[in-house]
């Protein structure tokens, strides 16, 4: 996932912060996590107001005081607790071959069929998995992303990594394996999203403001975690990837029309680079994903 923010939106946030007795550093698109976490009203405003198109390609980043790779974060309202039983019935388990990769990893771009392939459940938690996670974070930071799923680097397993700070050594690195949505809020927010598999393409997407999920961590331990605001949006974007769903399928027809030419350009690029016909074309796409939610239709 990638996001950007315009000058107009920075001014809106600054004005809201002033009313709440907070101060934002206007010269920079970097906003301190501590400021946002001090006011749920400001955080709610940031995650809910509709974004407009912007020529800026920079990712919005949050700064936290210390980097760490945990499931806990007061600033991002992430709370984890042990959970013993999570059901994974009728799912194919990833083999060592499925988890094999050759560094350095590269981002897979639309319409590569690996973005639509079935992603297998992970049952082996070893050094190879840790290396894969490290490589994914490396790719994510180098491409200015704040979230990345395994299929986006050509590894079709149920794994995602993200760091809302978007900077190595800052914020919180979150690893979710075999995630499942437990529940999600009825409140919906609109936000402009980008995707590393869709270079320089952005569009407004509606998603639930908060989610509660079951998952495993890098050691295989099961837990339940609640996410809200930006982390919830990052999770939902990456979770869609694990279901073979791409972010433009969550857009309204009006928004989709604004990026249709860009999608066609990626389809043409794929054909030129591979010598193969595009495995899918936006003009012949059948059916439509739910505008909001976690289902396939």
Protein backbone atom coordinates (compact mmCIF):
# COMPACT_ATOMS: atom_id res chain seq x y z
CA UNK A 1 0.00 0.00 0.00
CA UNK A 2 1.08 3.57 -0.73
CA UNK A 3 -0.70 6.78 0.22
CA UNK A 4 -0.04 10.44 -0.47
CA UNK A 5 -1.25 13.76 0.91
CA UNK A 6 -1.80 17.10 -0.80
CA UNK A 7 -0.99 20.63 0.39
CA UNK A 8 -4.71 21.29 0.89
CA UNK A 9 -5.04 18.25 3.14
CA UNK A 10 -1.99 19.25 5.19
CA UNK A 11 -3.63 22.65 5.78
CA UNK A 12 -6.88 20.95 6.85
CA UNK A 13 -4.99 18.78 9.33
CA UNK A 14 -3.03 21.76 10.64
CA UNK A 15 -6.24 23.75 11.18
CA UNK A 16 -7.87 20.84 13.00
CA UNK A 17 -4.76 20.35 15.12
CA UNK A 18 -4.74 24.03 16.10
CA UNK A 19 -8.33 23.78 17.33
CA UNK A 20 -7.27 20.83 19.47
CA UNK A 21 -4.20 22.59 20.86
CA UNK A 22 -1.77 20.56 18.76
CA UNK A 23 0.89 21.63 16.28
CA UNK A 24 1.88 19.92 13.04
CA UNK A 25 5.12 20.60 11.11
CA UNK A 26 3.64 22.08 7.93
CA UNK A 27 6.88 22.24 5.88
CA UNK A 28 7.05 18.46 5.83
CA UNK A 29 4.55 15.68 5.00
CA UNK A 30 5.82 13.77 8.04
CA UNK A 31 3.50 13.82 11.03
CA UNK A 32 4.51 12.63 14.47
CA UNK A 33 2.64 9.64 15.81
CA UNK A 34 2.65 11.09 19.30
CA UNK A 35 0.69 14.15 18.16
CA UNK A 36 -1.94 12.05 16.43
CA UNK A 37 -2.21 9.57 19.29
CA UNK A 38 -2.86 12.39 21.77
CA UNK A 39 -6.15 13.19 20.08
CA UNK A 40 -8.59 10.58 18.84
CA UNK A 41 -10.57 13.41 17.21
CA UNK A 42 -7.64 14.43 15.03
CA UNK A 43 -6.78 10.82 14.21
CA UNK A 44 -10.41 10.19 13.25
CA UNK A 45 -10.41 13.29 11.04
CA UNK A 46 -7.22 12.18 9.33
CA UNK A 47 -8.56 8.71 8.54
CA UNK A 48 -12.02 9.79 7.43
CA UNK A 49 -11.98 12.93 5.29
CA UNK A 50 -12.03 12.30 1.51
CA UNK A 51 -8.75 12.89 -0.27
CA UNK A 52 -8.35 14.65 -3.57
CA UNK A 53 -5.96 13.90 -6.40
CA UNK A 54 -2.47 15.25 -5.93
CA UNK A 55 0.60 15.49 -8.12
CA UNK A 56 2.77 14.59 -5.16
CA UNK A 57 4.11 11.04 -5.24
CA UNK A 58 5.45 10.98 -1.69
CA UNK A 59 4.03 8.49 0.79
CA UNK A 60 2.48 9.77 4.00
CA UNK A 61 4.58 8.56 6.89
CA UNK A 62 4.14 8.55 10.64
CA UNK A 63 7.12 8.78 12.96
CA UNK A 64 7.33 6.86 16.23
CA UNK A 65 10.06 7.17 18.83
CA UNK A 66 11.55 3.67 18.60
CA UNK A 67 11.50 1.02 15.88
CA UNK A 68 10.34 -2.45 16.87
CA UNK A 69 8.59 -5.47 15.41
CA UNK A 70 5.68 -6.23 17.72
CA UNK A 71 1.90 -6.50 17.66
CA UNK A 72 1.43 -3.87 20.40
CA UNK A 73 1.20 -0.12 19.88
CA UNK A 74 -0.75 2.44 21.89
CA UNK A 75 -0.28 5.08 19.21
CA UNK A 76 -1.93 2.94 16.56
CA UNK A 77 -4.52 1.42 18.91
CA UNK A 78 -3.22 -2.10 18.36
CA UNK A 79 -4.00 -4.54 21.14
CA UNK A 80 -3.05 -8.22 21.05
CA UNK A 81 -3.98 -11.14 23.26
CA UNK A 82 -3.29 -14.86 23.16
CA UNK A 83 -5.75 -17.01 21.26
CA UNK A 84 -5.44 -20.78 21.28
CA UNK A 85 -7.86 -21.93 18.62
CA UNK A 86 -8.09 -20.59 15.09
CA UNK A 87 -9.71 -22.78 12.47
CA UNK A 88 -8.07 -23.20 9.05
CA UNK A 89 -10.22 -25.86 7.47
CA UNK A 90 -10.01 -26.90 3.83
CA UNK A 91 -6.90 -24.84 3.13
CA UNK A 92 -3.85 -26.00 1.26
CA UNK A 93 -0.66 -25.80 3.29
CA UNK A 94 2.44 -24.19 1.78
CA UNK A 95 5.37 -26.51 1.11
CA UNK A 96 9.05 -25.60 1.27
CA UNK A 97 8.91 -25.12 -2.50
CA UNK A 98 6.07 -22.60 -2.11
CA UNK A 99 8.17 -20.63 0.38
CA UNK A 100 11.32 -20.74 -1.74
CA UNK A 101 12.55 -17.38 -3.00
CA UNK A 102 15.64 -15.88 -4.56
CA UNK A 103 16.75 -12.48 -3.23
CA UNK A 104 16.60 -9.72 -4.08
CA UNK A 105 12.83 -9.79 -4.32
CA UNK A 106 11.04 -7.60 -6.85
CA UNK A 107 7.51 -6.23 -6.80
CA UNK A 108 5.12 -8.04 -9.14
CA UNK A 109 3.06 -5.60 -11.20
CA UNK A 110 -0.48 -5.90 -12.54
CA UNK A 111 -1.62 -7.92 -14.49
CA UNK A 112 0.87 -10.63 -13.48
CA UNK A 113 -1.17 -13.81 -12.76
CA UNK A 114 0.62 -14.32 -9.44
CA UNK A 115 -1.49 -11.48 -8.05
CA UNK A 116 -4.57 -13.65 -8.65
CA UNK A 117 -3.15 -17.04 -7.63
CA UNK A 118 -4.32 -18.89 -4.53
CA UNK A 119 -2.21 -18.13 -1.47
CA UNK A 120 -1.44 -21.09 0.75
CA UNK A 121 -1.50 -21.27 4.53
CA UNK A 122 1.86 -21.24 6.32
CA UNK A 123 2.52 -23.97 8.87
CA UNK A 124 6.32 -23.86 8.99
CA UNK A 125 7.89 -21.11 11.08
CA UNK A 126 11.63 -21.30 10.52
CA UNK A 127 14.66 -19.22 9.57
CA UNK A 128 13.64 -19.24 5.91
CA UNK A 129 10.34 -17.57 6.80
CA UNK A 130 12.19 -14.95 8.85
CA UNK A 131 14.48 -14.26 5.90
CA UNK A 132 11.45 -13.88 3.64
CA UNK A 133 9.92 -11.38 6.07
CA UNK A 134 13.17 -9.41 6.22
CA UNK A 135 13.40 -9.35 2.43
CA UNK A 136 9.80 -8.15 2.15
CA UNK A 137 10.43 -5.28 4.55
CA UNK A 138 13.53 -4.40 2.55
CA UNK A 139 11.54 -4.22 -0.70
CA UNK A 140 8.73 -2.27 0.98
CA UNK A 141 11.07 0.42 2.30
CA UNK A 142 13.03 0.71 -0.94
CA UNK A 143 9.82 1.30 -2.90
CA UNK A 144 8.39 3.83 -0.41
CA UNK A 145 5.54 1.56 0.63
CA UNK A 146 3.91 1.14 4.02
CA UNK A 147 2.55 -2.37 3.42
CA UNK A 148 3.37 -5.41 1.29
CA UNK A 149 1.85 -8.87 0.81
CA UNK A 150 3.76 -12.01 -0.18
CA UNK A 151 2.01 -12.48 -3.56
CA UNK A 152 3.24 -9.00 -4.51
CA UNK A 153 6.77 -10.40 -4.55
CA UNK A 154 5.75 -13.61 -6.29
CA UNK A 155 5.44 -15.82 -3.21
CA UNK A 156 1.88 -17.15 -2.98
CA UNK A 157 1.46 -17.65 0.75
CA UNK A 158 -0.67 -15.96 3.41
CA UNK A 159 1.80 -13.42 4.72
CA UNK A 160 1.85 -9.64 4.96
CA UNK A 161 4.17 -7.05 6.47
CA UNK A 162 3.58 -3.38 7.12
CA UNK A 163 4.87 -0.36 8.97
CA UNK A 164 2.63 2.74 8.98
CA UNK A 165 5.76 4.87 9.52
CA UNK A 166 7.07 3.86 6.10
CA UNK A 167 10.68 4.31 7.25
CA UNK A 168 13.27 1.72 8.24
CA UNK A 169 14.25 2.16 11.87
CA UNK A 170 11.11 4.12 12.73
CA UNK A 171 7.58 3.19 13.68
CA UNK A 172 6.42 -0.38 14.17
CA UNK A 173 7.03 -3.37 11.91
CA UNK A 174 4.00 -5.65 11.91
CA UNK A 175 4.01 -9.22 10.58
CA UNK A 176 0.74 -11.09 10.09
CA UNK A 177 0.61 -14.72 8.97
CA UNK A 178 -2.58 -16.60 7.99
CA UNK A 179 -4.76 -13.61 8.98
CA UNK A 180 -8.53 -13.93 9.29
CA UNK A 181 -11.08 -11.17 9.81
CA UNK A 182 -12.99 -11.66 13.04
CA UNK A 183 -15.18 -8.56 12.78
CA UNK A 184 -15.11 -5.08 11.31
CA UNK A 185 -16.78 -1.77 12.06
CA UNK A 186 -19.91 -0.47 10.38
CA UNK A 187 -18.31 2.95 10.08
CA UNK A 188 -16.81 3.41 6.62
CA UNK A 189 -14.08 5.88 5.66
CA UNK A 190 -12.94 7.11 2.25
CA UNK A 191 -9.23 7.39 1.58
CA UNK A 192 -6.96 7.62 -1.44
CA UNK A 193 -4.84 4.51 -1.88
CA UNK A 194 -1.95 3.52 -4.08
CA UNK A 195 -0.35 0.11 -4.55
CA UNK A 196 3.21 -1.00 -5.20
CA UNK A 197 1.88 -3.37 -7.87
CA UNK A 198 0.27 -0.39 -9.64
CA UNK A 199 3.06 2.22 -9.97
CA UNK A 200 1.91 5.85 -9.77
CA UNK A 201 -1.79 4.88 -9.77
CA UNK A 202 -4.03 6.23 -7.01
CA UNK A 203 -7.75 6.15 -6.33
CA UNK A 204 -10.28 6.64 -3.53
CA UNK A 205 -11.33 3.46 -1.75
CA UNK A 206 -13.94 2.99 0.98
CA UNK A 207 -13.11 0.62 3.83
CA UNK A 208 -14.27 -0.08 7.41
CA UNK A 209 -12.54 2.19 9.92
CA UNK A 210 -11.53 -0.65 12.24
CA UNK A 211 -11.08 -4.43 12.15
CA UNK A 212 -10.47 -7.26 14.58
CA UNK A 213 -8.41 -10.12 13.22
CA UNK A 214 -6.94 -13.50 14.14
CA UNK A 215 -3.45 -14.33 12.92
CA UNK A 216 -0.08 -15.87 13.72
CA UNK A 217 3.16 -14.03 14.33
CA UNK A 218 6.63 -14.85 13.00
CA UNK A 219 7.11 -17.54 15.68
CA UNK A 220 3.80 -19.23 14.90
CA UNK A 221 2.04 -17.97 18.04
CA UNK A 222 -1.66 -17.31 17.57
CA UNK A 223 -3.15 -14.00 18.63
CA UNK A 224 -6.06 -11.63 18.13
CA UNK A 225 -5.39 -8.02 17.21
CA UNK A 226 -7.61 -4.95 16.80
CA UNK A 227 -6.60 -2.25 14.33
CA UNK A 228 -8.10 1.17 13.64
CA UNK A 229 -7.29 4.16 11.47
CA UNK A 230 -4.36 3.87 9.09
CA UNK A 231 -3.13 0.42 10.29
CA UNK A 232 -6.65 -0.97 9.70
CA UNK A 233 -6.64 0.37 6.15
CA UNK A 234 -3.17 -1.01 5.43
CA UNK A 235 -4.26 -4.41 6.73
CA UNK A 236 -7.41 -4.46 4.59
CA UNK A 237 -5.49 -3.51 1.46
CA UNK A 238 -2.93 -6.29 2.02
CA UNK A 239 -5.58 -8.79 3.13
CA UNK A 240 -7.34 -8.26 -0.20
CA UNK A 241 -4.09 -9.23 -1.92
CA UNK A 242 -4.10 -12.51 0.00
CA UNK A 243 -7.59 -13.17 -1.40
CA UNK A 244 -6.52 -12.32 -4.95
CA UNK A 245 -8.46 -9.05 -4.86
CA UNK A 246 -6.89 -5.87 -6.24
CA UNK A 247 -7.61 -2.39 -4.93
CA UNK A 248 -9.21 -1.06 -8.11
CA UNK A 249 -11.96 -3.66 -7.61
CA UNK A 250 -13.01 -1.81 -4.45
CA UNK A 251 -13.42 1.47 -6.32
CA UNK A 252 -16.66 2.93 -7.60
CA UNK A 253 -17.16 2.98 -11.37
CA UNK A 254 -16.57 6.73 -11.37
CA UNK A 255 -13.20 6.40 -9.64
CA UNK A 256 -12.23 3.40 -11.76
CA UNK A 257 -12.82 5.44 -14.91
CA UNK A 258 -10.13 7.89 -13.80
CA UNK A 259 -7.43 5.17 -13.81
CA UNK A 260 -8.71 2.96 -16.63
CA UNK A 261 -6.13 4.24 -19.12
CA UNK A 262 -3.33 3.63 -16.60
CA UNK A 263 -4.47 0.03 -16.09
CA UNK A 264 -4.54 -0.53 -19.84
CA UNK A 265 -0.99 0.84 -20.04
CA UNK A 266 0.17 -1.74 -17.48
CA UNK A 267 -1.56 -4.50 -19.46
CA UNK A 268 0.28 -3.39 -22.60
CA UNK A 269 3.57 -3.20 -20.70
CA UNK A 270 3.09 -6.79 -19.50
CA UNK A 271 2.50 -8.01 -23.05
CA UNK A 272 5.57 -6.19 -24.35
CA UNK A 273 7.82 -7.49 -21.56
CA UNK A 274 6.64 -11.11 -21.63
CA UNK A 275 5.52 -11.63 -25.22
CA UNK A 276 2.32 -13.10 -23.79
CA UNK A 277 -1.25 -11.82 -23.93
CA UNK A 278 -2.38 -10.04 -20.78
CA UNK A 279 -4.05 -12.58 -18.44
CA UNK A 280 -6.78 -10.04 -17.76
CA UNK A 281 -8.04 -6.82 -19.26
CA UNK A 282 -9.91 -4.10 -17.48
CA UNK A 283 -12.28 -3.67 -20.42
CA UNK A 284 -13.45 -7.29 -20.31
CA UNK A 285 -13.56 -7.67 -16.54
CA UNK A 286 -16.66 -9.58 -15.49
CA UNK A 287 -18.40 -9.13 -12.19
CA UNK A 288 -17.61 -6.63 -9.49
CA UNK A 289 -16.20 -6.96 -6.01
CA UNK A 290 -18.05 -5.59 -3.03
CA UNK A 291 -17.32 -1.88 -2.75
CA UNK A 292 -16.66 -2.36 0.96
CA UNK A 293 -15.94 -5.48 2.97
CA UNK A 294 -14.01 -8.71 2.74
CA UNK A 295 -16.02 -10.94 0.41
CA UNK A 296 -15.01 -11.89 -3.11
CA UNK A 297 -18.25 -10.56 -4.56
